[in-house]
Protein backbone atom coordinates (compact mmCIF):
# COMPACT_ATOMS: atom_id res chain seq x y z
CA MET A 1 -21.57 -64.36 27.71
CA GLN A 2 -21.17 -61.43 25.31
CA LYS A 3 -17.84 -60.74 23.64
CA ASP A 4 -16.42 -57.25 23.73
CA VAL A 5 -16.67 -55.52 20.38
CA ILE A 6 -13.49 -53.79 19.36
CA GLU A 7 -13.87 -50.86 17.00
CA ILE A 8 -11.47 -51.06 14.06
CA PRO A 9 -9.48 -47.80 13.88
CA PHE A 10 -10.15 -45.50 10.92
CA SER A 11 -6.59 -45.88 9.57
CA PHE A 12 -6.93 -49.68 9.50
CA LYS A 13 -10.25 -49.40 7.69
CA LEU A 14 -8.55 -47.25 5.05
CA TYR A 15 -5.72 -49.77 4.83
CA PHE A 16 -8.16 -52.65 4.26
CA ILE A 17 -10.00 -50.65 1.59
CA ILE A 18 -6.66 -50.07 -0.16
CA VAL A 19 -5.61 -53.74 0.11
CA ASN A 20 -8.98 -54.85 -1.28
CA GLY A 21 -8.64 -52.26 -4.05
CA ILE A 22 -5.23 -53.63 -5.02
CA LYS A 23 -6.70 -57.14 -5.16
CA TYR A 24 -9.62 -55.87 -7.28
CA VAL A 25 -7.33 -54.08 -9.74
CA ASN A 26 -5.02 -57.11 -9.92
CA LYS A 27 -7.94 -59.31 -10.95
CA LYS A 28 -8.98 -56.79 -13.60
CA ASN A 29 -5.63 -56.12 -15.22
CA ARG A 30 -3.57 -58.69 -16.97
CA LEU A 31 -0.02 -58.07 -15.90
CA PRO A 32 2.60 -60.04 -17.79
CA ALA A 33 3.14 -63.41 -16.11
CA ASN A 34 6.37 -62.44 -14.36
CA MET A 35 5.10 -59.16 -12.88
CA ASP A 36 3.29 -58.86 -9.55
CA LYS A 37 1.17 -56.18 -7.90
CA MET A 38 4.17 -54.17 -6.71
CA TYR A 39 5.05 -53.44 -10.34
CA PHE A 40 1.72 -51.78 -11.00
CA THR A 41 1.99 -49.86 -7.72
CA VAL A 42 5.37 -48.48 -8.79
CA LEU A 43 4.10 -47.80 -12.32
CA LEU A 44 1.13 -45.82 -10.98
CA LEU A 45 3.39 -43.91 -8.63
CA ILE A 46 5.64 -42.89 -11.55
CA PHE A 47 2.50 -42.03 -13.56
CA PHE A 48 1.17 -39.73 -10.80
CA LYS A 49 4.58 -38.29 -9.85
CA PRO A 50 6.59 -37.96 -13.08
CA LYS A 51 10.34 -37.48 -12.61
CA ILE A 52 10.32 -39.21 -9.23
CA ASN A 53 13.56 -41.10 -8.69
CA GLN A 54 14.23 -44.68 -7.68
CA ARG A 55 15.52 -43.73 -4.23
CA GLN A 56 12.35 -41.77 -3.40
CA ILE A 57 10.17 -44.72 -4.38
CA SER A 58 12.34 -47.15 -2.44
CA LEU A 59 12.20 -45.03 0.73
CA ASN A 60 8.49 -44.28 0.53
CA LEU A 61 7.36 -47.82 -0.22
CA GLU A 62 10.00 -49.31 2.09
CA ILE A 63 11.40 -51.53 -0.64
CA ASP A 64 15.06 -52.48 -0.46
CA LYS A 65 17.33 -51.10 -3.19
CA THR A 66 17.92 -54.48 -4.84
CA THR A 67 14.22 -55.26 -5.17
CA MET A 68 13.52 -51.72 -6.37
CA SER A 69 16.25 -52.07 -9.03
CA ARG A 70 14.65 -55.30 -10.26
CA ILE A 71 11.21 -53.67 -10.45
CA ILE A 72 12.57 -50.68 -12.37
CA ALA A 73 14.54 -52.96 -14.72
CA LYS A 74 11.43 -55.04 -15.43
CA LEU A 75 9.30 -51.94 -16.07
CA GLU A 76 12.00 -50.73 -18.48
CA GLU A 77 12.17 -54.15 -20.14
CA PHE A 78 8.43 -54.00 -20.82
CA ASN A 79 8.89 -50.44 -22.11
CA PHE A 80 6.57 -48.99 -19.45
CA ILE A 81 9.09 -46.44 -18.13
CA THR A 82 12.27 -44.62 -19.09
CA LYS A 83 15.11 -43.16 -17.05
CA THR A 84 16.56 -39.72 -17.68
CA GLN A 85 19.47 -38.15 -15.88
CA ASP A 86 18.43 -35.62 -13.24
CA PRO A 87 19.84 -32.26 -14.38
CA THR A 88 20.28 -31.15 -10.75
CA ASN A 89 22.02 -34.35 -9.57
CA ARG A 90 24.14 -36.28 -12.06
CA ARG A 91 24.14 -39.38 -9.82
CA SER A 92 20.35 -39.64 -9.92
CA THR A 93 17.91 -40.58 -12.66
CA ASN A 94 14.32 -39.45 -12.99
CA LEU A 95 11.65 -41.94 -13.96
CA GLN A 96 8.73 -41.32 -16.25
CA VAL A 97 6.21 -43.44 -18.11
CA THR A 98 6.48 -44.12 -21.83
CA LYS A 99 3.49 -43.98 -24.19
CA LYS A 100 2.95 -47.69 -23.53
CA GLY A 101 3.31 -47.13 -19.77
CA TYR A 102 0.89 -44.20 -19.95
CA ALA A 103 -1.74 -46.36 -21.68
CA TRP A 104 -1.23 -49.16 -19.15
CA ALA A 105 -1.35 -46.78 -16.17
CA THR A 106 -4.49 -45.13 -17.56
CA ASP A 107 -6.18 -48.55 -17.70
CA LEU A 108 -5.06 -49.30 -14.14
CA ASN A 109 -6.36 -45.92 -13.03
CA ASP A 110 -9.70 -46.69 -14.70
CA TYR A 111 -9.91 -49.91 -12.65
CA VAL A 112 -9.17 -47.92 -9.49
CA TYR A 113 -12.08 -45.59 -10.27
CA GLU A 114 -14.29 -48.56 -11.11
CA TYR A 115 -13.47 -50.00 -7.66
CA ARG A 116 -14.18 -46.62 -6.05
CA ASN A 117 -17.55 -46.40 -7.79
CA LYS A 118 -18.51 -49.89 -6.61
CA LEU A 119 -17.50 -49.00 -3.04
CA LEU A 120 -19.54 -45.81 -3.00
CA GLU A 121 -22.56 -47.08 -4.91
CA GLY A 122 -25.72 -45.74 -3.28
CA ALA A 123 -23.88 -43.28 -1.03
CA ASP A 124 -25.03 -39.67 -0.69
CA PRO A 125 -23.04 -37.54 -3.19
CA GLU A 126 -22.59 -34.76 -0.61
CA LYS A 127 -21.10 -37.23 1.88
CA ILE A 128 -18.78 -38.56 -0.83
CA LYS A 129 -17.57 -35.02 -1.54
CA ILE A 130 -16.98 -34.34 2.16
CA THR A 131 -15.14 -37.66 2.56
CA GLN A 132 -12.89 -36.91 -0.41
CA GLU A 133 -12.09 -33.49 1.04
CA LEU A 134 -11.33 -35.05 4.43
CA ILE A 135 -9.02 -37.66 2.90
CA SER A 136 -7.22 -34.97 0.86
CA HIS A 137 -6.79 -32.95 4.04
CA ALA A 138 -5.44 -35.99 5.90
CA LEU A 139 -3.00 -36.74 3.05
CA LYS A 140 -1.64 -33.19 3.18
CA ASN A 141 -1.24 -33.44 6.95
CA SER A 142 0.54 -36.79 6.63
CA ALA A 143 3.10 -35.13 4.37
CA ASN A 144 3.87 -32.66 7.16
CA LEU A 145 4.89 -35.36 9.61
CA ASP A 146 8.46 -35.33 10.83
CA SER A 147 10.06 -37.16 7.92
CA ASP A 148 11.36 -36.50 4.43
CA GLU A 149 10.20 -39.96 3.42
CA TYR A 150 6.47 -39.26 3.15
CA PHE A 151 4.84 -38.67 -0.23
CA LYS A 152 3.92 -35.06 -0.81
CA PHE A 153 1.01 -34.62 -3.23
């Protein structure tokens, strides 16, 4: 008797690639003992979107406010980020990486590209280019979904 083969949806395949990438980068970097993978995710997000605020990160990553506050406090404690008051909203603070955070995020970003290169090793460069364009297009479309809580790049 033959089992039915179920095709894994494209979005799940992307999700698994991302999860495996996070595991790969975690093995490569040496986070301080009391920091986990969510810290580097938040650090990279601040690196790529300077002046993002804590609320935006919390909503987009679906992290409760208390946990988000702990992550931000720990990143500040390690001197990876700083807070500055938002000039347009006195109740909000903008987050940005420090020089130390920039160096750390750059290393993490290098590991992400290393992972990407291993994934795409041997692939046709033209197909890689088309795939990157398709993913960029999909990301832009995802930002247009009916919510203010999606990342807009």
